[in-house]
PDB file of N, CA and C in Angstrom:
ATOM      1  N   MET A   1       8.340 -11.615 -11.313  1.00  0.00           N
ATOM      2  CA  MET A   1       7.952 -12.169 -10.033  1.00  0.00           C
ATOM      3  C   MET A   1       8.761 -11.556  -8.897  1.00  0.00           C
ATOM      4  N   THR A   2      10.026 -11.285  -9.155  1.00  0.00           N
ATOM      5  CA  THR A   2      10.871 -10.675  -8.141  1.00  0.00           C
ATOM      6  C   THR A   2      10.375  -9.285  -7.791  1.00  0.00           C
ATOM      7  N   GLY A   3       9.889  -8.553  -8.813  1.00  0.00           N
ATOM      8  CA  GLY A   3       9.352  -7.217  -8.571  1.00  0.00           C
ATOM      9  C   GLY A   3       8.148  -7.250  -7.649  1.00  0.00           C
ATOM     10  N   PHE A   4       7.250  -8.223  -7.849  1.00  0.00           N
ATOM     11  CA  PHE A   4       6.071  -8.328  -6.993  1.00  0.00           C
ATOM     12  C   PHE A   4       6.460  -8.662  -5.561  1.00  0.00           C
ATOM     13  N   ILE A   5       7.416  -9.564  -5.398  1.00  0.00           N
ATOM     14  CA  ILE A   5       7.851  -9.939  -4.054  1.00  0.00           C
ATOM     15  C   ILE A   5       8.507  -8.753  -3.356  1.00  0.00           C
ATOM     16  N   LEU A   6       9.317  -7.996  -4.095  1.00  0.00           N
ATOM     17  CA  LEU A   6       9.960  -6.824  -3.515  1.00  0.00           C
ATOM     18  C   LEU A   6       8.927  -5.760  -3.145  1.00  0.00           C
ATOM     19  N   ARG A   7       7.916  -5.567  -4.004  1.00  0.00           N
ATOM     20  CA  ARG A   7       6.831  -4.632  -3.676  1.00  0.00           C
ATOM     21  C   ARG A   7       6.077  -5.090  -2.438  1.00  0.00           C
ATOM     22  N   ALA A   8       5.829  -6.387  -2.327  1.00  0.00           N
ATOM     23  CA  ALA A   8       5.118  -6.921  -1.163  1.00  0.00           C
ATOM     24  C   ALA A   8       5.928  -6.717   0.114  1.00  0.00           C
ATOM     25  N   VAL A   9       7.231  -6.895   0.037  1.00  0.00           N
ATOM     26  CA  VAL A   9       8.088  -6.685   1.212  1.00  0.00           C
ATOM     27  C   VAL A   9       8.072  -5.209   1.614  1.00  0.00           C
ATOM     28  N   ILE A  10       8.131  -4.326   0.639  1.00  0.00           N
ATOM     29  CA  ILE A  10       8.076  -2.888   0.931  1.00  0.00           C
ATOM     30  C   ILE A  10       6.722  -2.520   1.521  1.00  0.00           C
ATOM     31  N   ALA A  11       5.644  -3.059   0.952  1.00  0.00           N
ATOM     32  CA  ALA A  11       4.303  -2.801   1.489  1.00  0.00           C
ATOM     33  C   ALA A  11       4.174  -3.362   2.905  1.00  0.00           C
ATOM     34  N   ALA A  12       4.784  -4.530   3.156  1.00  0.00           N
ATOM     35  CA  ALA A  12       4.761  -5.095   4.504  1.00  0.00           C
ATOM     36  C   ALA A  12       5.459  -4.165   5.490  1.00  0.00           C
ATOM     37  N   GLY A  13       6.553  -3.559   5.056  1.00  0.00           N
ATOM     38  CA  GLY A  13       7.228  -2.579   5.918  1.00  0.00           C
ATOM     39  C   GLY A  13       6.346  -1.382   6.213  1.00  0.00           C
ATOM     40  N   GLY A  14       5.633  -0.913   5.201  1.00  0.00           N
ATOM     41  CA  GLY A  14       4.717   0.204   5.412  1.00  0.00           C
ATOM     42  C   GLY A  14       3.562  -0.162   6.327  1.00  0.00           C
ATOM     43  N   LEU A  15       3.009  -1.349   6.140  1.00  0.00           N
ATOM     44  CA  LEU A  15       1.930  -1.796   7.016  1.00  0.00           C
ATOM     45  C   LEU A  15       2.414  -1.976   8.449  1.00  0.00           C
ATOM     46  N   TRP A  16       3.632  -2.488   8.597  1.00  0.00           N
ATOM     47  CA  TRP A  16       4.191  -2.656   9.934  1.00  0.00           C
ATOM     48  C   TRP A  16       4.380  -1.302  10.618  1.00  0.00           C
ATOM     49  N   LEU A  17       4.934  -0.329   9.875  1.00  0.00           N
ATOM     50  CA  LEU A  17       5.103   1.008  10.452  1.00  0.00           C
ATOM     51  C   LEU A  17       3.762   1.618  10.820  1.00  0.00           C
ATOM     52  N   ALA A  18       2.787   1.460   9.959  1.00  0.00           N
ATOM     53  CA  ALA A  18       1.461   2.010  10.243  1.00  0.00           C
ATOM     54  C   ALA A  18       0.860   1.362  11.487  1.00  0.00           C
ATOM     55  N   SER A  19       1.080   0.065  11.658  1.00  0.00           N
ATOM     56  CA  SER A  19       0.532  -0.598  12.842  1.00  0.00           C
ATOM     57  C   SER A  19       1.235  -0.144  14.123  1.00  0.00           C
ATOM     58  N   ARG A  20       2.476   0.288  13.997  1.00  0.00           N
ATOM     59  CA  ARG A  20       3.210   0.785  15.162  1.00  0.00           C
ATOM     60  C   ARG A  20       2.894   2.247  15.469  1.00  0.00           C
ATOM     61  N   TRP A  21       2.690   3.069  14.444  1.00  0.00           N
ATOM     62  CA  TRP A  21       2.551   4.507  14.633  1.00  0.00           C
ATOM     63  C   TRP A  21       1.113   4.995  14.756  1.00  0.00           C
ATOM     64  N   VAL A  22       0.150   4.250  14.237  1.00  0.00           N
ATOM     65  CA  VAL A  22      -1.228   4.731  14.188  1.00  0.00           C
ATOM     66  C   VAL A  22      -2.077   3.939  15.169  1.00  0.00           C
ATOM     67  N   ASP A  23      -2.702   4.637  16.100  1.00  0.00           N
ATOM     68  CA  ASP A  23      -3.621   3.976  17.029  1.00  0.00           C
ATOM     69  C   ASP A  23      -4.854   3.505  16.263  1.00  0.00           C
ATOM     70  N   GLY A  24      -5.282   2.284  16.515  1.00  0.00           N
ATOM     71  CA  GLY A  24      -6.447   1.737  15.846  1.00  0.00           C
ATOM     72  C   GLY A  24      -6.139   0.986  14.567  1.00  0.00           C
ATOM     73  N   PHE A  25      -4.880   0.939  14.180  1.00  0.00           N
ATOM     74  CA  PHE A  25      -4.430   0.219  12.989  1.00  0.00           C
ATOM     75  C   PHE A  25      -3.602  -0.953  13.511  1.00  0.00           C
ATOM     76  N   SER A  26      -4.174  -2.152  13.516  1.00  0.00           N
ATOM     77  CA  SER A  26      -3.458  -3.257  14.156  1.00  0.00           C
ATOM     78  C   SER A  26      -3.424  -4.502  13.276  1.00  0.00           C
ATOM     79  N   ILE A  27      -2.268  -5.113  13.263  1.00  0.00           N
ATOM     80  CA  ILE A  27      -2.033  -6.399  12.608  1.00  0.00           C
ATOM     81  C   ILE A  27      -1.409  -7.276  13.672  1.00  0.00           C
ATOM     82  N   THR A  28      -2.057  -8.410  13.953  1.00  0.00           N
ATOM     83  CA  THR A  28      -1.659  -9.181  15.132  1.00  0.00           C
ATOM     84  C   THR A  28      -0.514 -10.161  14.915  1.00  0.00           C
ATOM     85  N   SER A  29      -0.290 -10.624  13.681  1.00  0.00           N
ATOM     86  CA  SER A  29       0.769 -11.613  13.491  1.00  0.00           C
ATOM     87  C   SER A  29       1.583 -11.313  12.246  1.00  0.00           C
ATOM     88  N   THR A  30       2.758 -11.891  12.204  1.00  0.00           N
ATOM     89  CA  THR A  30       3.644 -11.700  11.055  1.00  0.00           C
ATOM     90  C   THR A  30       3.060 -12.330   9.803  1.00  0.00           C
ATOM     91  N   GLY A  31       2.426 -13.476   9.946  1.00  0.00           N
ATOM     92  CA  GLY A  31       1.794 -14.124   8.797  1.00  0.00           C
ATOM     93  C   GLY A  31       0.701 -13.260   8.197  1.00  0.00           C
ATOM     94  N   THR A  32      -0.102 -12.651   9.067  1.00  0.00           N
ATOM     95  CA  THR A  32      -1.146 -11.749   8.587  1.00  0.00           C
ATOM     96  C   THR A  32      -0.531 -10.541   7.897  1.00  0.00           C
ATOM     97  N   LEU A  33       0.580 -10.044   8.424  1.00  0.00           N
ATOM     98  CA  LEU A  33       1.264  -8.907   7.807  1.00  0.00           C
ATOM     99  C   LEU A  33       1.723  -9.254   6.396  1.00  0.00           C
ATOM    100  N   LEU A  34       2.313 -10.414   6.207  1.00  0.00           N
ATOM    101  CA  LEU A  34       2.785 -10.811   4.882  1.00  0.00           C
ATOM    102  C   LEU A  34       1.622 -11.072   3.916  1.00  0.00           C
ATOM    103  N   ILE A  35       0.563 -11.706   4.416  1.00  0.00           N
ATOM    104  CA  ILE A  35      -0.612 -11.938   3.573  1.00  0.00           C
ATOM    105  C   ILE A  35      -1.273 -10.610   3.212  1.00  0.00           C
ATOM    106  N   ALA A  36      -1.344  -9.689   4.175  1.00  0.00           N
ATOM    107  CA  ALA A  36      -1.939  -8.376   3.915  1.00  0.00           C
ATOM    108  C   ALA A  36      -1.138  -7.613   2.865  1.00  0.00           C
ATOM    109  N   ALA A  37       0.176  -7.708   2.916  1.00  0.00           N
ATOM    110  CA  ALA A  37       1.013  -7.016   1.935  1.00  0.00           C
ATOM    111  C   ALA A  37       0.799  -7.589   0.541  1.00  0.00           C
ATOM    112  N   ALA A  38       0.758  -8.906   0.432  1.00  0.00           N
ATOM    113  CA  ALA A  38       0.524  -9.528  -0.879  1.00  0.00           C
ATOM    114  C   ALA A  38      -0.878  -9.213  -1.382  1.00  0.00           C
ATOM    115  N   LEU A  39      -1.860  -9.278  -0.492  1.00  0.00           N
ATOM    116  CA  LEU A  39      -3.234  -8.977  -0.882  1.00  0.00           C
ATOM    117  C   LEU A  39      -3.399  -7.507  -1.260  1.00  0.00           C
ATOM    118  N   LEU A  40      -2.682  -6.623  -0.570  1.00  0.00           N
ATOM    119  CA  LEU A  40      -2.722  -5.204  -0.930  1.00  0.00           C
ATOM    120  C   LEU A  40      -2.143  -4.989  -2.322  1.00  0.00           C
ATOM    121  N   GLY A  41      -1.097  -5.716  -2.662  1.00  0.00           N
ATOM    122  CA  GLY A  41      -0.548  -5.624  -4.015  1.00  0.00           C
ATOM    123  C   GLY A  41      -1.536  -6.085  -5.067  1.00  0.00           C
ATOM    124  N   ILE A  42      -2.249  -7.160  -4.783  1.00  0.00           N
ATOM    125  CA  ILE A  42      -3.247  -7.666  -5.732  1.00  0.00           C
ATOM    126  C   ILE A  42      -4.416  -6.703  -5.848  1.00  0.00           C
ATOM    127  N   VAL A  43      -4.884  -6.188  -4.707  1.00  0.00           N
ATOM    128  CA  VAL A  43      -6.001  -5.231  -4.722  1.00  0.00           C
ATOM    129  C   VAL A  43      -5.604  -3.959  -5.458  1.00  0.00           C
ATOM    130  N   ASN A  44      -4.383  -3.487  -5.243  1.00  0.00           N
ATOM    131  CA  ASN A  44      -3.924  -2.286  -5.941  1.00  0.00           C
ATOM    132  C   ASN A  44      -3.770  -2.518  -7.443  1.00  0.00           C
ATOM    133  N   ALA A  45      -3.512  -3.747  -7.836  1.00  0.00           N
ATOM    134  CA  ALA A  45      -3.367  -4.051  -9.264  1.00  0.00           C
ATOM    135  C   ALA A  45      -4.705  -4.280  -9.947  1.00  0.00           C
ATOM    136  N   VAL A  46      -5.703  -4.778  -9.229  1.00  0.00           N
ATOM    137  CA  VAL A  46      -6.972  -5.156  -9.852  1.00  0.00           C
ATOM    138  C   VAL A  46      -8.093  -4.166  -9.542  1.00  0.00           C
ATOM    139  N   VAL A  47      -8.324  -3.898  -8.265  1.00  0.00           N
ATOM    140  CA  VAL A  47      -9.484  -3.098  -7.856  1.00  0.00           C
ATOM    141  C   VAL A  47      -9.217  -1.596  -7.957  1.00  0.00           C
ATOM    142  N   ARG A  48      -8.022  -1.159  -7.574  1.00  0.00           N
ATOM    143  CA  ARG A  48      -7.723   0.267  -7.530  1.00  0.00           C
ATOM    144  C   ARG A  48      -7.880   0.966  -8.880  1.00  0.00           C
ATOM    145  N   PRO A  49      -7.414   0.384  -9.998  1.00  0.00           N
ATOM    146  CA  PRO A  49      -7.625   1.089 -11.273  1.00  0.00           C
ATOM    147  C   PRO A  49      -9.107   1.293 -11.605  1.00  0.00           C
ATOM    148  N   ILE A  50      -9.938   0.321 -11.259  1.00  0.00           N
ATOM    149  CA  ILE A  50     -11.372   0.468 -11.494  1.00  0.00           C
ATOM    150  C   ILE A  50     -11.932   1.586 -10.618  1.00  0.00           C
ATOM    151  N   ALA A  51     -11.523   1.621  -9.353  1.00  0.00           N
ATOM    152  CA  ALA A  51     -11.987   2.664  -8.440  1.00  0.00           C
ATOM    153  C   ALA A  51     -11.509   4.043  -8.883  1.00  0.00           C
ATOM    154  N   VAL A  52     -10.297   4.129  -9.387  1.00  0.00           N
ATOM    155  CA  VAL A  52      -9.775   5.425  -9.849  1.00  0.00           C
ATOM    156  C   VAL A  52     -10.560   5.924 -11.053  1.00  0.00           C
ATOM    157  N   VAL A  53     -10.870   5.042 -11.980  1.00  0.00           N
ATOM    158  CA  VAL A  53     -11.651   5.453 -13.162  1.00  0.00           C
ATOM    159  C   VAL A  53     -13.060   5.861 -12.761  1.00  0.00           C
ATOM    160  N   LEU A  54     -13.682   5.110 -11.866  1.00  0.00           N
ATOM    161  CA  LEU A  54     -15.044   5.436 -11.456  1.00  0.00           C
ATOM    162  C   LEU A  54     -15.138   6.732 -10.659  1.00  0.00           C
ATOM    163  N   THR A  55     -14.086   7.087  -9.956  1.00  0.00           N
ATOM    164  CA  THR A  55     -14.101   8.309  -9.143  1.00  0.00           C
ATOM    165  C   THR A  55     -13.325   9.453  -9.792  1.00  0.00           C
ATOM    166  N   LEU A  56     -13.047   9.329 -11.077  1.00  0.00           N
ATOM    167  CA  LEU A  56     -12.244  10.343 -11.758  1.00  0.00           C
ATOM    168  C   LEU A  56     -12.845  11.755 -11.679  1.00  0.00           C
ATOM    169  N   PRO A  57     -14.160  11.945 -11.859  1.00  0.00           N
ATOM    170  CA  PRO A  57     -14.685  13.318 -11.762  1.00  0.00           C
ATOM    171  C   PRO A  57     -14.453  13.969 -10.397  1.00  0.00           C
ATOM    172  N   ILE A  58     -14.696  13.237  -9.331  1.00  0.00           N
ATOM    173  CA  ILE A  58     -14.477  13.824  -8.001  1.00  0.00           C
ATOM    174  C   ILE A  58     -12.991  14.006  -7.718  1.00  0.00           C
ATOM    175  N   THR A  59     -12.158  13.145  -8.288  1.00  0.00           N
ATOM    176  CA  THR A  59     -10.712  13.296  -8.137  1.00  0.00           C
ATOM    177  C   THR A  59     -10.236  14.565  -8.826  1.00  0.00           C
ATOM    178  N   ILE A  60     -10.782  14.863  -9.982  1.00  0.00           N
ATOM    179  CA  ILE A  60     -10.413  16.088 -10.700  1.00  0.00           C
ATOM    180  C   ILE A  60     -10.879  17.318  -9.932  1.00  0.00           C
ATOM    181  N   VAL A  61     -12.103  17.287  -9.415  1.00  0.00           N
ATOM    182  CA  VAL A  61     -12.643  18.428  -8.672  1.00  0.00           C
ATOM    183  C   VAL A  61     -11.835  18.695  -7.412  1.00  0.00           C
ATOM    184  N   THR A  62     -11.370  17.628  -6.751  1.00  0.00           N
ATOM    185  CA  THR A  62     -10.598  17.800  -5.521  1.00  0.00           C
ATOM    186  C   THR A  62      -9.095  17.903  -5.774  1.00  0.00           C
ATOM    187  N   LEU A  63      -8.722  18.052  -7.035  1.00  0.00           N
ATOM    188  CA  LEU A  63      -7.316  18.188  -7.427  1.00  0.00           C
ATOM    189  C   LEU A  63      -6.459  17.007  -6.965  1.00  0.00           C
ATOM    190  N   GLY A  64      -7.036  15.830  -6.995  1.00  0.00           N
ATOM    191  CA  GLY A  64      -6.303  14.616  -6.686  1.00  0.00           C
ATOM    192  C   GLY A  64      -6.364  14.165  -5.242  1.00  0.00           C
ATOM    193  N   LEU A  65      -6.909  14.984  -4.366  1.00  0.00           N
ATOM    194  CA  LEU A  65      -6.946  14.604  -2.950  1.00  0.00           C
ATOM    195  C   LEU A  65      -7.863  13.416  -2.686  1.00  0.00           C
ATOM    196  N   PHE A  66      -8.835  13.184  -3.562  1.00  0.00           N
ATOM    197  CA  PHE A  66      -9.729  12.049  -3.363  1.00  0.00           C
ATOM    198  C   PHE A  66      -8.988  10.723  -3.516  1.00  0.00           C
ATOM    199  N   LEU A  67      -7.824  10.734  -4.138  1.00  0.00           N
ATOM    200  CA  LEU A  67      -7.034   9.504  -4.231  1.00  0.00           C
ATOM    201  C   LEU A  67      -6.614   8.993  -2.851  1.00  0.00           C
ATOM    202  N   LEU A  68      -6.523   9.898  -1.865  1.00  0.00           N
ATOM    203  CA  LEU A  68      -6.260   9.461  -0.491  1.00  0.00           C
ATOM    204  C   LEU A  68      -7.407   8.586   0.016  1.00  0.00           C
ATOM    205  N   VAL A  69      -8.631   8.963  -0.342  1.00  0.00           N
ATOM    206  CA  VAL A  69      -9.799   8.178   0.050  1.00  0.00           C
ATOM    207  C   VAL A  69      -9.777   6.823  -0.662  1.00  0.00           C
ATOM    208  N   VAL A  70      -9.398   6.820  -1.942  1.00  0.00           N
ATOM    209  CA  VAL A  70      -9.315   5.564  -2.691  1.00  0.00           C
ATOM    210  C   VAL A  70      -8.252   4.657  -2.070  1.00  0.00           C
ATOM    211  N   ASN A  71      -7.098   5.207  -1.738  1.00  0.00           N
ATOM    212  CA  ASN A  71      -6.041   4.408  -1.103  1.00  0.00           C
ATOM    213  C   ASN A  71      -6.490   3.871   0.247  1.00  0.00           C
ATOM    214  N   ALA A  72      -7.185   4.696   1.025  1.00  0.00           N
ATOM    215  CA  ALA A  72      -7.707   4.238   2.312  1.00  0.00           C
ATOM    216  C   ALA A  72      -8.733   3.130   2.107  1.00  0.00           C
ATOM    217  N   GLY A  73      -9.514   3.238   1.066  1.00  0.00           N
ATOM    218  CA  GLY A  73     -10.485   2.190   0.758  1.00  0.00           C
ATOM    219  C   GLY A  73      -9.822   0.874   0.407  1.00  0.00           C
ATOM    220  N   MET A  74      -8.706   0.929  -0.308  1.00  0.00           N
ATOM    221  CA  MET A  74      -7.994  -0.297  -0.659  1.00  0.00           C
ATOM    222  C   MET A  74      -7.413  -0.970   0.592  1.00  0.00           C
ATOM    223  N   VAL A  75      -6.857  -0.172   1.491  1.00  0.00           N
ATOM    224  CA  VAL A  75      -6.338  -0.725   2.745  1.00  0.00           C
ATOM    225  C   VAL A  75      -7.500  -1.263   3.583  1.00  0.00           C
ATOM    226  N   GLY A  76      -8.616  -0.539   3.603  1.00  0.00           N
ATOM    227  CA  GLY A  76      -9.790  -1.000   4.332  1.00  0.00           C
ATOM    228  C   GLY A  76     -10.356  -2.287   3.768  1.00  0.00           C
ATOM    229  N   LEU A  77     -10.314  -2.430   2.448  1.00  0.00           N
ATOM    230  CA  LEU A  77     -10.785  -3.661   1.811  1.00  0.00           C
ATOM    231  C   LEU A  77      -9.936  -4.854   2.232  1.00  0.00           C
ATOM    232  N   VAL A  78      -8.637  -4.660   2.277  1.00  0.00           N
ATOM    233  CA  VAL A  78      -7.738  -5.736   2.730  1.00  0.00           C
ATOM    234  C   VAL A  78      -8.019  -6.058   4.201  1.00  0.00           C
ATOM    235  N   ALA A  79      -8.241  -5.030   5.010  1.00  0.00           N
ATOM    236  CA  ALA A  79      -8.534  -5.259   6.433  1.00  0.00           C
ATOM    237  C   ALA A  79      -9.865  -5.971   6.618  1.00  0.00           C
ATOM    238  N   ALA A  80     -10.814  -5.733   5.731  1.00  0.00           N
ATOM    239  CA  ALA A  80     -12.113  -6.401   5.838  1.00  0.00           C
ATOM    240  C   ALA A  80     -12.018  -7.884   5.509  1.00  0.00           C
ATOM    241  N   VAL A  81     -11.070  -8.250   4.672  1.00  0.00           N
ATOM    242  CA  VAL A  81     -10.920  -9.648   4.261  1.00  0.00           C
ATOM    243  C   VAL A  81     -10.154 -10.465   5.305  1.00  0.00           C
ATOM    244  N   LEU A  82      -9.169  -9.866   5.924  1.00  0.00           N
ATOM    245  CA  LEU A  82      -8.311 -10.598   6.864  1.00  0.00           C
ATOM    246  C   LEU A  82      -8.815 -10.441   8.302  1.00  0.00           C
ATOM    247  N   PRO A  83      -8.962 -11.530   9.027  1.00  0.00           N
ATOM    248  CA  PRO A  83      -9.519 -11.437  10.388  1.00  0.00           C
ATOM    249  C   PRO A  83      -8.571 -10.829  11.426  1.00  0.00           C
ATOM    250  N   ASP A  84      -7.269 -10.958  11.256  1.00  0.00           N
ATOM    251  CA  ASP A  84      -6.325 -10.426  12.251  1.00  0.00           C
ATOM    252  C   ASP A  84      -5.807  -9.038  11.901  1.00  0.00           C
ATOM    253  N   PHE A  85      -6.463  -8.348  10.972  1.00  0.00           N
ATOM    254  CA  PHE A  85      -6.086  -7.010  10.532  1.00  0.00           C
ATOM    255  C   PHE A  85      -7.301  -6.128  10.764  1.00  0.00           C
ATOM    256  N   SER A  86      -7.158  -5.138  11.653  1.00  0.00           N
ATOM    257  CA  SER A  86      -8.302  -4.278  11.943  1.00  0.00           C
ATOM    258  C   SER A  86      -7.909  -2.809  11.866  1.00  0.00           C
ATOM    259  N   ILE A  87      -8.875  -2.033  11.415  1.00  0.00           N
ATOM    260  CA  ILE A  87      -8.723  -0.584  11.311  1.00  0.00           C
ATOM    261  C   ILE A  87      -9.911   0.031  12.035  1.00  0.00           C
ATOM    262  N   ALA A  88      -9.648   0.997  12.924  1.00  0.00           N
ATOM    263  CA  ALA A  88     -10.684   1.549  13.789  1.00  0.00           C
ATOM    264  C   ALA A  88     -11.663   2.457  13.057  1.00  0.00           C
ATOM    265  N   GLY A  89     -11.223   3.161  12.032  1.00  0.00           N
ATOM    266  CA  GLY A  89     -12.125   4.094  11.370  1.00  0.00           C
ATOM    267  C   GLY A  89     -11.537   4.651  10.090  1.00  0.00           C
ATOM    268  N   PHE A  90     -12.276   5.600   9.514  1.00  0.00           N
ATOM    269  CA  PHE A  90     -11.887   6.174   8.227  1.00  0.00           C
ATOM    270  C   PHE A  90     -10.557   6.918   8.315  1.00  0.00           C
ATOM    271  N   TRP A  91     -10.395   7.791   9.289  1.00  0.00           N
ATOM    272  CA  TRP A  91      -9.171   8.595   9.373  1.00  0.00           C
ATOM    273  C   TRP A  91      -7.969   7.735   9.739  1.00  0.00           C
ATOM    274  N   THR A  92      -8.210   6.677  10.459  1.00  0.00           N
ATOM    275  CA  THR A  92      -7.142   5.719  10.738  1.00  0.00           C
ATOM    276  C   THR A  92      -6.684   5.055   9.447  1.00  0.00           C
ATOM    277  N   ALA A  93      -7.654   4.700   8.590  1.00  0.00           N
ATOM    278  CA  ALA A  93      -7.318   4.091   7.299  1.00  0.00           C
ATOM    279  C   ALA A  93      -6.575   5.077   6.406  1.00  0.00           C
ATOM    280  N   VAL A  94      -6.989   6.350   6.422  1.00  0.00           N
ATOM    281  CA  VAL A  94      -6.309   7.367   5.609  1.00  0.00           C
ATOM    282  C   VAL A  94      -4.875   7.544   6.075  1.00  0.00           C
ATOM    283  N   LEU A  95      -4.670   7.647   7.376  1.00  0.00           N
ATOM    284  CA  LEU A  95      -3.312   7.826   7.899  1.00  0.00           C
ATOM    285  C   LEU A  95      -2.444   6.598   7.623  1.00  0.00           C
ATOM    286  N   GLY A  96      -3.020   5.414   7.793  1.00  0.00           N
ATOM    287  CA  GLY A  96      -2.282   4.185   7.486  1.00  0.00           C
ATOM    288  C   GLY A  96      -1.927   4.093   6.014  1.00  0.00           C
ATOM    289  N   ALA A  97      -2.869   4.464   5.139  1.00  0.00           N
ATOM    290  CA  ALA A  97      -2.598   4.451   3.698  1.00  0.00           C
ATOM    291  C   ALA A  97      -1.522   5.465   3.330  1.00  0.00           C
ATOM    292  N   LEU A  98      -1.510   6.614   3.996  1.00  0.00           N
ATOM    293  CA  LEU A  98      -0.453   7.606   3.752  1.00  0.00           C
ATOM    294  C   LEU A  98       0.920   7.046   4.121  1.00  0.00           C
ATOM    295  N   ILE A  99       1.000   6.356   5.237  1.00  0.00           N
ATOM    296  CA  ILE A  99       2.279   5.782   5.660  1.00  0.00           C
ATOM    297  C   ILE A  99       2.724   4.699   4.687  1.00  0.00           C
ATOM    298  N   VAL A 100       1.800   3.822   4.284  1.00  0.00           N
ATOM    299  CA  VAL A 100       2.150   2.767   3.326  1.00  0.00           C
ATOM    300  C   VAL A 100       2.583   3.380   2.004  1.00  0.00           C
ATOM    301  N   SER A 101       1.903   4.435   1.562  1.00  0.00           N
ATOM    302  CA  SER A 101       2.278   5.100   0.311  1.00  0.00           C
ATOM    303  C   SER A 101       3.642   5.762   0.412  1.00  0.00           C
ATOM    304  N   ALA A 102       3.920   6.383   1.551  1.00  0.00           N
ATOM    305  CA  ALA A 102       5.221   7.035   1.730  1.00  0.00           C
ATOM    306  C   ALA A 102       6.351   6.011   1.735  1.00  0.00           C
ATOM    307  N   VAL A 103       6.146   4.895   2.404  1.00  0.00           N
ATOM    308  CA  VAL A 103       7.175   3.847   2.434  1.00  0.00           C
ATOM    309  C   VAL A 103       7.359   3.269   1.031  1.00  0.00           C
ATOM    310  N   SER A 104       6.274   3.083   0.289  1.00  0.00           N
ATOM    311  CA  SER A 104       6.377   2.579  -1.085  1.00  0.00           C
ATOM    312  C   SER A 104       7.110   3.574  -1.980  1.00  0.00           C
ATOM    313  N   TRP A 105       6.871   4.860  -1.768  1.00  0.00           N
ATOM    314  CA  TRP A 105       7.552   5.884  -2.552  1.00  0.00           C
ATOM    315  C   TRP A 105       9.056   5.860  -2.263  1.00  0.00           C
ATOM    316  N   VAL A 106       9.414   5.758  -0.999  1.00  0.00           N
ATOM    317  CA  VAL A 106      10.834   5.687  -0.643  1.00  0.00           C
ATOM    318  C   VAL A 106      11.462   4.426  -1.234  1.00  0.00           C
ATOM    319  N   GLY A 107      10.732   3.314  -1.191  1.00  0.00           N
ATOM    320  CA  GLY A 107      11.238   2.077  -1.791  1.00  0.00           C
ATOM    321  C   GLY A 107      11.451   2.205  -3.280  1.00  0.00           C
ATOM    322  N   SER A 108      10.540   2.897  -3.968  1.00  0.00           N
ATOM    323  CA  SER A 108      10.719   3.077  -5.407  1.00  0.00           C
ATOM    324  C   SER A 108      11.853   4.044  -5.715  1.00  0.00           C
ATOM    325  N   CYS A 109      12.169   4.936  -4.775  1.00  0.00           N
ATOM    326  CA  CYS A 109      13.340   5.809  -4.967  1.00  0.00           C
ATOM    327  C   CYS A 109      14.638   4.999  -4.924  1.00  0.00           C
ATOM    328  N   PHE A 110      14.681   3.994  -4.059  1.00  0.00           N
ATOM    329  CA  PHE A 110      15.880   3.176  -3.940  1.00  0.00           C
ATOM    330  C   PHE A 110      15.996   2.130  -5.045  1.00  0.00           C
ATOM    331  N   PHE A 111      14.875   1.525  -5.422  1.00  0.00           N
ATOM    332  CA  PHE A 111      14.917   0.424  -6.367  1.00  0.00           C
ATOM    333  C   PHE A 111      14.431   0.793  -7.761  1.00  0.00           C
ATOM    334  N   GLY A 112      13.939   2.000  -7.955  1.00  0.00           N
ATOM    335  CA  GLY A 112      13.412   2.402  -9.252  1.00  0.00           C
ATOM    336  C   GLY A 112      11.938   2.044  -9.371  1.00  0.00           C
ATOM    337  N   SER A 113      11.286   2.590 -10.365  1.00  0.00           N
ATOM    338  CA  SER A 113       9.846   2.361 -10.494  1.00  0.00           C
ATOM    339  C   SER A 113       9.532   0.935 -10.924  1.00  0.00           C
ATOM    340  N   SER A 114      10.467   0.273 -11.615  1.00  0.00           N
ATOM    341  CA  SER A 114      10.222  -1.108 -12.023  1.00  0.00           C
ATOM    342  C   SER A 114      10.578  -2.096 -10.917  1.00  0.00           C
ATOM    343  N   LEU A 115      11.255  -1.623  -9.871  1.00  0.00           N
ATOM    344  CA  LEU A 115      11.691  -2.438  -8.738  1.00  0.00           C
ATOM    345  C   LEU A 115      12.530  -3.631  -9.161  1.00  0.00           C
ATOM    346  N   ARG A 116      13.367  -3.417 -10.125  1.00  0.00           N
ATOM    347  CA  ARG A 116      14.305  -4.464 -10.530  1.00  0.00           C
ATOM    348  C   ARG A 116      15.651  -4.176  -9.895  1.00  0.00           C
ATOM    349  N   VAL A 117      16.243  -5.200  -9.403  1.00  0.00           N
ATOM    350  CA  VAL A 117      17.580  -5.060  -8.849  1.00  0.00           C
ATOM    351  C   VAL A 117      18.554  -5.186 -10.013  1.00  0.00           C
ATOM    352  N   GLU A 118      19.269  -4.114 -10.280  1.00  0.00           N
ATOM    353  CA  GLU A 118      20.165  -4.106 -11.430  1.00  0.00           C
ATOM    354  C   GLU A 118      21.605  -3.981 -10.943  1.00  0.00           C
ATOM    355  N   THR A 119      22.481  -4.636 -11.643  1.00  0.00           N
ATOM    356  CA  THR A 119      23.894  -4.518 -11.319  1.00  0.00           C
ATOM    357  C   THR A 119      24.579  -3.726 -12.429  1.00  0.00           C
ATOM    358  N   LEU A 120      25.504  -2.948 -12.030  1.00  0.00           N
ATOM    359  CA  LEU A 120      26.271  -2.152 -12.990  1.00  0.00           C
ATOM    360  C   LEU A 120      27.634  -2.797 -13.176  1.00  0.00           C
ATOM    361  N   ARG A 121      28.040  -2.899 -14.433  1.00  0.00           N
ATOM    362  CA  ARG A 121      29.353  -3.473 -14.724  1.00  0.00           C
ATOM    363  C   ARG A 121      30.235  -2.392 -15.322  1.00  0.00           C
ATOM    364  N   ARG A 122      31.419  -2.392 -14.886  1.00  0.00           N
ATOM    365  CA  ARG A 122      32.395  -1.448 -15.420  1.00  0.00           C
ATOM    366  C   ARG A 122      33.223  -2.185 -16.465  1.00  0.00           C
ATOM    367  N   GLU A 123      33.230  -1.644 -17.659  1.00  0.00           N
ATOM    368  CA  GLU A 123      33.998  -2.283 -18.732  1.00  0.00           C
ATOM    369  C   GLU A 123      35.405  -1.754 -18.712  1.00  0.00           C
ATOM    370  N   ARG A 124      36.342  -2.621 -19.063  1.00  0.00           N
ATOM    371  CA  ARG A 124      37.769  -2.250 -19.030  1.00  0.00           C
ATOM    372  C   ARG A 124      38.270  -1.902 -20.377  1.00  0.00           C
TER     373      ARG A 124
END
């Protein structure tokens, strides 16, 4: 459960940065930002694997670049569900998804891929 909460906080940071840096990518309240981050985590866990499998041939042909479209679709799906989260268009969604992915990648570099906070003990 801690891993999911930490992922949601990292995703919220990415969504916040995207809303600040990308014109047409707007989240109006902090509550919507937190709900969007949690919903993005759920969508990425449930819907994204199905979308990746269904689009596997085009992903192979494009050498993986179509995954940017899949990621933009997941962010767009979350924006379609939440009323205070809006995205102006396709390229706005792609750029926002890139920022969220980059922030998530940096977060996984700091916390590891499992996102567990681990303590190291020195034995005497």
